[in-house]
């Protein structure tokens, strides 16, 4: 249970305090931070102490933080990503998800980003997302080969690989020992469903990752059609993962 983190994508309408109260009540002790689109998005220009105190209030800590995307060279977005990375370090989030608007920019800006955060004790990772510049295995391979720096790690994004028609085994075969974070979801096609009701063999995933020596966190994602039942489904997901996946 200590390695499970709640994602604000599950309840995007909740504020940060509402989400942490709800998720800590279910037993989560970690929270993945978004910096856009959800009501719980953090303002990385605010004093970090505000968010450190918020986590302490609910007995939680931060697993990871989504950086704002780099959108073009020279538009200040790379500097914003670096500023957000320093904020992540200040609130105790050890992993930051680096994003860019094209594969070419992932490569050029990714190299620059790594140099700009040199000495900062955080782990930057790349994430696949269906419909984004990193969707397929080929996309991921191109970006990793282009950056060519072992400091850049990856997310095994199980749900978005499934949405793109990629099996998580093939994703892990490519990413292998670069994986520093895992996002988990159950789905039928591209639709999120309650855990254990879909097409993704989560017990096999956990067995595979244990055998591979993965020791990082698992971010629990859920974007079901009947969102009013999300918290109940998350409670069921925790039970399912603890019983079937041997956390």
C-alpha atoms as a PDB file:
ATOM      1  CA  UNK A   1       0.000   0.000   0.000  1.00  0.00           C
ATOM      2  CA  UNK A   2       2.893   2.363   0.703  1.00  0.00           C
ATOM      3  CA  UNK A   3       3.828   2.268  -2.999  1.00  0.00           C
ATOM      4  CA  UNK A   4       0.374   3.284  -4.283  1.00  0.00           C
ATOM      5  CA  UNK A   5      -0.181   6.918  -5.236  1.00  0.00           C
ATOM      6  CA  UNK A   6      -3.500   8.555  -6.054  1.00  0.00           C
ATOM      7  CA  UNK A   7      -3.869  10.539  -9.271  1.00  0.00           C
ATOM      8  CA  UNK A   8      -6.006  13.704  -9.412  1.00  0.00           C
ATOM      9  CA  UNK A   9      -7.228  12.593 -12.858  1.00  0.00           C
ATOM     10  CA  UNK A  10      -9.596  10.276 -10.972  1.00  0.00           C
ATOM     11  CA  UNK A  11     -11.600  13.214  -9.600  1.00  0.00           C
ATOM     12  CA  UNK A  12     -10.592  16.267 -11.645  1.00  0.00           C
ATOM     13  CA  UNK A  13     -13.382  18.356 -10.124  1.00  0.00           C
ATOM     14  CA  UNK A  14     -11.915  18.169  -6.603  1.00  0.00           C
ATOM     15  CA  UNK A  15      -9.643  20.810  -5.140  1.00  0.00           C
ATOM     16  CA  UNK A  16      -6.306  19.681  -3.735  1.00  0.00           C
ATOM     17  CA  UNK A  17      -7.629  19.666  -0.169  1.00  0.00           C
ATOM     18  CA  UNK A  18     -10.775  17.776  -1.188  1.00  0.00           C
ATOM     19  CA  UNK A  19      -8.794  15.200  -3.165  1.00  0.00           C
ATOM     20  CA  UNK A  20      -6.255  14.596  -0.424  1.00  0.00           C
ATOM     21  CA  UNK A  21      -8.967  14.290   2.209  1.00  0.00           C
ATOM     22  CA  UNK A  22     -10.820  11.745   0.072  1.00  0.00           C
ATOM     23  CA  UNK A  23      -7.781   9.740  -0.984  1.00  0.00           C
ATOM     24  CA  UNK A  24      -6.154   9.666   2.442  1.00  0.00           C
ATOM     25  CA  UNK A  25      -9.479   8.443   3.791  1.00  0.00           C
ATOM     26  CA  UNK A  26      -9.231   5.485   1.415  1.00  0.00           C
ATOM     27  CA  UNK A  27      -5.736   4.671   2.648  1.00  0.00           C
ATOM     28  CA  UNK A  28      -3.524   6.393   0.077  1.00  0.00           C
ATOM     29  CA  UNK A  29      -0.414   8.006   1.498  1.00  0.00           C
ATOM     30  CA  UNK A  30       0.973   9.404  -1.757  1.00  0.00           C
ATOM     31  CA  UNK A  31      -0.413  11.872  -4.286  1.00  0.00           C
ATOM     32  CA  UNK A  32       0.713  12.662  -7.832  1.00  0.00           C
ATOM     33  CA  UNK A  33       0.738  16.398  -8.550  1.00  0.00           C
ATOM     34  CA  UNK A  34      -0.703  18.019 -11.665  1.00  0.00           C
ATOM     35  CA  UNK A  35       0.121  21.606 -12.609  1.00  0.00           C
ATOM     36  CA  UNK A  36      -2.769  22.125 -15.047  1.00  0.00           C
ATOM     37  CA  UNK A  37      -6.375  21.249 -16.050  1.00  0.00           C
ATOM     38  CA  UNK A  38      -7.618  19.667 -12.801  1.00  0.00           C
ATOM     39  CA  UNK A  39      -9.105  21.714  -9.953  1.00  0.00           C
ATOM     40  CA  UNK A  40      -6.364  20.363  -7.685  1.00  0.00           C
ATOM     41  CA  UNK A  41      -3.549  21.705  -9.899  1.00  0.00           C
ATOM     42  CA  UNK A  42      -0.657  23.160  -7.916  1.00  0.00           C
ATOM     43  CA  UNK A  43       0.662  26.668  -8.533  1.00  0.00           C
ATOM     44  CA  UNK A  44       4.399  26.097  -8.765  1.00  0.00           C
ATOM     45  CA  UNK A  45       5.036  29.819  -8.361  1.00  0.00           C
ATOM     46  CA  UNK A  46       3.412  29.739  -4.914  1.00  0.00           C
ATOM     47  CA  UNK A  47       5.453  29.146  -1.742  1.00  0.00           C
ATOM     48  CA  UNK A  48       6.235  25.417  -1.553  1.00  0.00           C
ATOM     49  CA  UNK A  49       5.548  25.445   2.181  1.00  0.00           C
ATOM     50  CA  UNK A  50       1.812  25.802   1.436  1.00  0.00           C
ATOM     51  CA  UNK A  51       1.796  22.409  -0.272  1.00  0.00           C
ATOM     52  CA  UNK A  52       4.170  20.778   2.200  1.00  0.00           C
ATOM     53  CA  UNK A  53       1.768  21.776   4.977  1.00  0.00           C
ATOM     54  CA  UNK A  54      -1.204  20.519   2.950  1.00  0.00           C
ATOM     55  CA  UNK A  55       0.365  17.093   2.559  1.00  0.00           C
ATOM     56  CA  UNK A  56       1.215  16.915   6.253  1.00  0.00           C
ATOM     57  CA  UNK A  57      -2.366  17.817   7.171  1.00  0.00           C
ATOM     58  CA  UNK A  58      -3.611  14.648   5.492  1.00  0.00           C
ATOM     59  CA  UNK A  59      -0.671  12.384   6.330  1.00  0.00           C
ATOM     60  CA  UNK A  60       0.460  12.271   2.712  1.00  0.00           C
ATOM     61  CA  UNK A  61       3.520  12.967   0.594  1.00  0.00           C
ATOM     62  CA  UNK A  62       4.053  13.536  -3.126  1.00  0.00           C
ATOM     63  CA  UNK A  63       5.096  10.737  -5.460  1.00  0.00           C
ATOM     64  CA  UNK A  64       5.621  12.772  -8.617  1.00  0.00           C
ATOM     65  CA  UNK A  65       4.785  16.006 -10.423  1.00  0.00           C
ATOM     66  CA  UNK A  66       3.715  16.715 -14.006  1.00  0.00           C
ATOM     67  CA  UNK A  67       5.778  19.576 -15.409  1.00  0.00           C
ATOM     68  CA  UNK A  68       4.218  22.168 -17.725  1.00  0.00           C
ATOM     69  CA  UNK A  69       5.073  21.230 -21.332  1.00  0.00           C
ATOM     70  CA  UNK A  70       7.851  22.792 -23.349  1.00  0.00           C
ATOM     71  CA  UNK A  71       5.977  24.222 -26.329  1.00  0.00           C
ATOM     72  CA  UNK A  72       8.603  26.069 -28.391  1.00  0.00           C
ATOM     73  CA  UNK A  73      12.210  27.123 -28.164  1.00  0.00           C
ATOM     74  CA  UNK A  74      12.711  30.601 -26.801  1.00  0.00           C
ATOM     75  CA  UNK A  75       9.146  31.067 -25.526  1.00  0.00           C
ATOM     76  CA  UNK A  76      10.033  30.655 -21.853  1.00  0.00           C
ATOM     77  CA  UNK A  77       8.350  27.278 -21.503  1.00  0.00           C
ATOM     78  CA  UNK A  78      11.628  25.453 -20.850  1.00  0.00           C
ATOM     79  CA  UNK A  79      12.413  27.871 -18.040  1.00  0.00           C
ATOM     80  CA  UNK A  80       8.890  27.282 -16.642  1.00  0.00           C
ATOM     81  CA  UNK A  81       9.534  23.540 -16.658  1.00  0.00           C
ATOM     82  CA  UNK A  82      12.796  24.051 -14.782  1.00  0.00           C
ATOM     83  CA  UNK A  83      11.063  26.307 -12.257  1.00  0.00           C
ATOM     84  CA  UNK A  84       8.405  23.652 -11.735  1.00  0.00           C
ATOM     85  CA  UNK A  85      11.113  21.016 -11.276  1.00  0.00           C
ATOM     86  CA  UNK A  86      12.711  23.088  -8.525  1.00  0.00           C
ATOM     87  CA  UNK A  87       9.276  23.446  -6.933  1.00  0.00           C
ATOM     88  CA  UNK A  88       8.870  19.642  -7.084  1.00  0.00           C
ATOM     89  CA  UNK A  89      12.145  19.240  -5.222  1.00  0.00           C
ATOM     90  CA  UNK A  90      11.006  21.780  -2.610  1.00  0.00           C
ATOM     91  CA  UNK A  91       7.744  19.917  -1.880  1.00  0.00           C
ATOM     92  CA  UNK A  92       9.471  16.531  -1.773  1.00  0.00           C
ATOM     93  CA  UNK A  93       8.249  15.073  -5.083  1.00  0.00           C
ATOM     94  CA  UNK A  94      11.155  12.872  -6.239  1.00  0.00           C
ATOM     95  CA  UNK A  95       9.972  12.303  -9.840  1.00  0.00           C
ATOM     96  CA  UNK A  96       9.001  14.892 -12.471  1.00  0.00           C
ATOM     97  CA  UNK A  97       7.273  14.096 -15.765  1.00  0.00           C
ATOM     98  CA  UNK A  98       8.936  16.020 -18.593  1.00  0.00           C
ATOM     99  CA  UNK A  99       6.717  16.955 -21.569  1.00  0.00           C
ATOM    100  CA  UNK A 100       7.106  18.653 -24.938  1.00  0.00           C
ATOM    101  CA  UNK A 101       4.885  19.441 -27.900  1.00  0.00           C
ATOM    102  CA  UNK A 102       6.855  17.415 -30.481  1.00  0.00           C
ATOM    103  CA  UNK A 103       9.383  14.593 -30.546  1.00  0.00           C
ATOM    104  CA  UNK A 104      12.023  16.927 -31.949  1.00  0.00           C
ATOM    105  CA  UNK A 105      11.429  19.317 -29.066  1.00  0.00           C
ATOM    106  CA  UNK A 106      11.457  16.446 -26.583  1.00  0.00           C
ATOM    107  CA  UNK A 107      14.976  15.688 -27.771  1.00  0.00           C
ATOM    108  CA  UNK A 108      16.421  19.198 -27.963  1.00  0.00           C
ATOM    109  CA  UNK A 109      14.674  20.590 -24.895  1.00  0.00           C
ATOM    110  CA  UNK A 110      15.153  17.349 -22.984  1.00  0.00           C
ATOM    111  CA  UNK A 111      18.925  17.592 -23.321  1.00  0.00           C
ATOM    112  CA  UNK A 112      18.867  21.229 -22.208  1.00  0.00           C
ATOM    113  CA  UNK A 113      16.515  20.455 -19.320  1.00  0.00           C
ATOM    114  CA  UNK A 114      18.842  17.785 -17.966  1.00  0.00           C
ATOM    115  CA  UNK A 115      21.705  20.270 -17.880  1.00  0.00           C
ATOM    116  CA  UNK A 116      19.567  22.984 -16.283  1.00  0.00           C
ATOM    117  CA  UNK A 117      18.530  20.729 -13.392  1.00  0.00           C
ATOM    118  CA  UNK A 118      22.002  19.247 -12.870  1.00  0.00           C
ATOM    119  CA  UNK A 119      22.573  18.758  -9.148  1.00  0.00           C
ATOM    120  CA  UNK A 120      18.866  18.825  -8.299  1.00  0.00           C
ATOM    121  CA  UNK A 121      17.899  15.618  -6.505  1.00  0.00           C
ATOM    122  CA  UNK A 122      14.934  14.651  -8.659  1.00  0.00           C
ATOM    123  CA  UNK A 123      14.399  12.052 -11.379  1.00  0.00           C
ATOM    124  CA  UNK A 124      13.006  13.299 -14.719  1.00  0.00           C
ATOM    125  CA  UNK A 125      10.899  10.834 -16.691  1.00  0.00           C
ATOM    126  CA  UNK A 126       9.262  10.638 -20.110  1.00  0.00           C
ATOM    127  CA  UNK A 127       5.644   9.463 -20.402  1.00  0.00           C
ATOM    128  CA  UNK A 128       3.745   7.984 -23.312  1.00  0.00           C
ATOM    129  CA  UNK A 129       0.218   9.302 -23.835  1.00  0.00           C
ATOM    130  CA  UNK A 130      -2.146   8.148 -26.577  1.00  0.00           C
ATOM    131  CA  UNK A 131      -2.438  10.865 -29.235  1.00  0.00           C
ATOM    132  CA  UNK A 132       0.635  12.765 -28.011  1.00  0.00           C
ATOM    133  CA  UNK A 133       4.094  12.961 -29.629  1.00  0.00           C
ATOM    134  CA  UNK A 134       5.043   9.857 -27.606  1.00  0.00           C
ATOM    135  CA  UNK A 135       2.282   7.362 -28.390  1.00  0.00           C
ATOM    136  CA  UNK A 136       3.883   4.254 -29.890  1.00  0.00           C
ATOM    137  CA  UNK A 137       6.962   2.205 -29.077  1.00  0.00           C
ATOM    138  CA  UNK A 138       8.635   3.744 -32.107  1.00  0.00           C
ATOM    139  CA  UNK A 139       7.933   7.243 -30.787  1.00  0.00           C
ATOM    140  CA  UNK A 140       9.408   6.381 -27.408  1.00  0.00           C
ATOM    141  CA  UNK A 141      12.461   4.753 -28.932  1.00  0.00           C
ATOM    142  CA  UNK A 142      13.123   7.763 -31.155  1.00  0.00           C
ATOM    143  CA  UNK A 143      13.021  10.193 -28.237  1.00  0.00           C
ATOM    144  CA  UNK A 144      15.136   8.050 -25.914  1.00  0.00           C
ATOM    145  CA  UNK A 145      17.731   7.497 -28.640  1.00  0.00           C
ATOM    146  CA  UNK A 146      17.734  11.201 -29.473  1.00  0.00           C
ATOM    147  CA  UNK A 147      18.233  12.350 -25.883  1.00  0.00           C
ATOM    148  CA  UNK A 148      20.772   9.567 -25.287  1.00  0.00           C
ATOM    149  CA  UNK A 149      21.317  10.428 -21.645  1.00  0.00           C
ATOM    150  CA  UNK A 150      20.920   7.885 -18.824  1.00  0.00           C
ATOM    151  CA  UNK A 151      19.695  10.617 -16.498  1.00  0.00           C
ATOM    152  CA  UNK A 152      16.382  10.685 -18.390  1.00  0.00           C
ATOM    153  CA  UNK A 153      14.164   7.881 -17.103  1.00  0.00           C
ATOM    154  CA  UNK A 154      10.677   6.754 -18.117  1.00  0.00           C
ATOM    155  CA  UNK A 155       7.123   6.022 -16.988  1.00  0.00           C
ATOM    156  CA  UNK A 156       5.564   2.683 -17.853  1.00  0.00           C
ATOM    157  CA  UNK A 157       2.141   4.125 -18.706  1.00  0.00           C
ATOM    158  CA  UNK A 158       0.048   0.960 -18.857  1.00  0.00           C
ATOM    159  CA  UNK A 159      -3.312   2.507 -19.759  1.00  0.00           C
ATOM    160  CA  UNK A 160      -2.098   4.736 -22.563  1.00  0.00           C
ATOM    161  CA  UNK A 161      -0.047   1.927 -24.052  1.00  0.00           C
ATOM    162  CA  UNK A 162      -3.225  -0.181 -24.035  1.00  0.00           C
ATOM    163  CA  UNK A 163      -5.163   2.638 -25.729  1.00  0.00           C
ATOM    164  CA  UNK A 164      -2.500   2.729 -28.463  1.00  0.00           C
ATOM    165  CA  UNK A 165      -2.682  -1.040 -28.962  1.00  0.00           C
ATOM    166  CA  UNK A 166       0.642  -1.683 -27.232  1.00  0.00           C
ATOM    167  CA  UNK A 167       0.917  -4.444 -24.620  1.00  0.00           C
ATOM    168  CA  UNK A 168       2.591  -3.424 -21.399  1.00  0.00           C
ATOM    169  CA  UNK A 169       5.068  -6.308 -21.795  1.00  0.00           C
ATOM    170  CA  UNK A 170       6.303  -4.771 -25.040  1.00  0.00           C
ATOM    171  CA  UNK A 171       6.454  -1.359 -23.394  1.00  0.00           C
ATOM    172  CA  UNK A 172       8.536  -2.697 -20.550  1.00  0.00           C
ATOM    173  CA  UNK A 173      10.774  -4.634 -22.952  1.00  0.00           C
ATOM    174  CA  UNK A 174      11.676  -1.323 -24.609  1.00  0.00           C
ATOM    175  CA  UNK A 175      11.954   0.793 -21.461  1.00  0.00           C
ATOM    176  CA  UNK A 176      13.429  -1.900 -19.209  1.00  0.00           C
ATOM    177  CA  UNK A 177      15.653  -0.513 -16.451  1.00  0.00           C
ATOM    178  CA  UNK A 178      14.836   3.115 -17.333  1.00  0.00           C
ATOM    179  CA  UNK A 179      11.395   2.773 -15.676  1.00  0.00           C
ATOM    180  CA  UNK A 180      11.226   4.989 -12.579  1.00  0.00           C
ATOM    181  CA  UNK A 181       7.427   5.235 -12.237  1.00  0.00           C
ATOM    182  CA  UNK A 182       4.442   3.114 -13.267  1.00  0.00           C
ATOM    183  CA  UNK A 183       0.918   4.352 -14.015  1.00  0.00           C
ATOM    184  CA  UNK A 184      -1.753   1.667 -13.727  1.00  0.00           C
ATOM    185  CA  UNK A 185      -5.309   1.494 -14.994  1.00  0.00           C
ATOM    186  CA  UNK A 186      -7.739  -1.190 -16.134  1.00  0.00           C
ATOM    187  CA  UNK A 187      -9.487  -0.663 -19.459  1.00  0.00           C
ATOM    188  CA  UNK A 188     -11.735  -2.144 -22.122  1.00  0.00           C
ATOM    189  CA  UNK A 189     -10.322  -0.698 -25.306  1.00  0.00           C
ATOM    190  CA  UNK A 190      -9.519   2.892 -24.439  1.00  0.00           C
ATOM    191  CA  UNK A 191     -12.242   3.176 -21.777  1.00  0.00           C
ATOM    192  CA  UNK A 192     -11.200   3.123 -18.126  1.00  0.00           C
ATOM    193  CA  UNK A 193     -13.154   0.584 -16.047  1.00  0.00           C
ATOM    194  CA  UNK A 194     -13.000  -0.609 -12.411  1.00  0.00           C
ATOM    195  CA  UNK A 195      -9.916  -2.650 -11.631  1.00  0.00           C
ATOM    196  CA  UNK A 196     -10.346  -6.332 -12.389  1.00  0.00           C
ATOM    197  CA  UNK A 197     -13.163  -5.715 -14.877  1.00  0.00           C
ATOM    198  CA  UNK A 198     -11.094  -4.956 -17.961  1.00  0.00           C
ATOM    199  CA  UNK A 199      -8.578  -6.381 -20.399  1.00  0.00           C
ATOM    200  CA  UNK A 200      -5.343  -5.502 -18.584  1.00  0.00           C
ATOM    201  CA  UNK A 201      -3.805  -8.350 -16.591  1.00  0.00           C
ATOM    202  CA  UNK A 202      -2.639  -6.350 -13.586  1.00  0.00           C
ATOM    203  CA  UNK A 203      -1.548  -9.366 -11.460  1.00  0.00           C
ATOM    204  CA  UNK A 204       0.727 -10.456 -14.323  1.00  0.00           C
ATOM    205  CA  UNK A 205       2.078  -6.906 -14.619  1.00  0.00           C
ATOM    206  CA  UNK A 206       2.989  -6.811 -10.936  1.00  0.00           C
ATOM    207  CA  UNK A 207       4.622 -10.253 -11.087  1.00  0.00           C
ATOM    208  CA  UNK A 208       6.628  -9.179 -14.116  1.00  0.00           C
ATOM    209  CA  UNK A 209       7.813  -5.966 -12.474  1.00  0.00           C
ATOM    210  CA  UNK A 210       8.739  -7.739  -9.234  1.00  0.00           C
ATOM    211  CA  UNK A 211      10.846 -10.200 -11.198  1.00  0.00           C
ATOM    212  CA  UNK A 212      12.448  -7.290 -13.059  1.00  0.00           C
ATOM    213  CA  UNK A 213      13.394  -5.669  -9.749  1.00  0.00           C
ATOM    214  CA  UNK A 214      11.161  -2.580 -10.008  1.00  0.00           C
ATOM    215  CA  UNK A 215      10.951  -0.836  -6.614  1.00  0.00           C
ATOM    216  CA  UNK A 216       9.182   2.442  -7.469  1.00  0.00           C
ATOM    217  CA  UNK A 217       5.643   3.712  -7.014  1.00  0.00           C
ATOM    218  CA  UNK A 218       2.432   2.786  -8.812  1.00  0.00           C
ATOM    219  CA  UNK A 219       0.115   5.703  -9.613  1.00  0.00           C
ATOM    220  CA  UNK A 220      -3.516   4.563  -9.637  1.00  0.00           C
ATOM    221  CA  UNK A 221      -5.548   6.145 -12.433  1.00  0.00           C
ATOM    222  CA  UNK A 222      -9.271   5.830 -13.036  1.00  0.00           C
ATOM    223  CA  UNK A 223     -11.452   7.770 -15.488  1.00  0.00           C
ATOM    224  CA  UNK A 224     -14.647   5.710 -15.558  1.00  0.00           C
ATOM    225  CA  UNK A 225     -17.842   6.744 -17.326  1.00  0.00           C
ATOM    226  CA  UNK A 226     -19.883   6.760 -14.095  1.00  0.00           C
ATOM    227  CA  UNK A 227     -17.637   9.212 -12.278  1.00  0.00           C
ATOM    228  CA  UNK A 228     -20.020   9.481  -9.337  1.00  0.00           C
ATOM    229  CA  UNK A 229     -18.807   6.013  -8.319  1.00  0.00           C
ATOM    230  CA  UNK A 230     -15.078   6.755  -8.612  1.00  0.00           C
ATOM    231  CA  UNK A 231     -14.271   6.805  -4.897  1.00  0.00           C
ATOM    232  CA  UNK A 232     -15.995   3.464  -4.357  1.00  0.00           C
ATOM    233  CA  UNK A 233     -14.131   2.008  -7.320  1.00  0.00           C
ATOM    234  CA  UNK A 234     -10.843   3.351  -5.932  1.00  0.00           C
ATOM    235  CA  UNK A 235     -11.541   1.659  -2.614  1.00  0.00           C
ATOM    236  CA  UNK A 236     -12.239  -1.573  -4.489  1.00  0.00           C
ATOM    237  CA  UNK A 237      -9.053  -1.053  -6.536  1.00  0.00           C
ATOM    238  CA  UNK A 238      -6.923  -0.846  -3.393  1.00  0.00           C
ATOM    239  CA  UNK A 239      -8.444  -4.085  -2.126  1.00  0.00           C
ATOM    240  CA  UNK A 240      -7.938  -5.734  -5.519  1.00  0.00           C
ATOM    241  CA  UNK A 241      -4.307  -4.643  -5.788  1.00  0.00           C
ATOM    242  CA  UNK A 242      -3.430  -5.646  -2.223  1.00  0.00           C
ATOM    243  CA  UNK A 243      -5.079  -9.062  -2.595  1.00  0.00           C
ATOM    244  CA  UNK A 244      -4.332  -9.976  -6.215  1.00  0.00           C
ATOM    245  CA  UNK A 245      -1.121  -8.098  -6.912  1.00  0.00           C
ATOM    246  CA  UNK A 246       0.660  -8.666  -3.585  1.00  0.00           C
ATOM    247  CA  UNK A 247       1.857  -5.153  -2.880  1.00  0.00           C
END
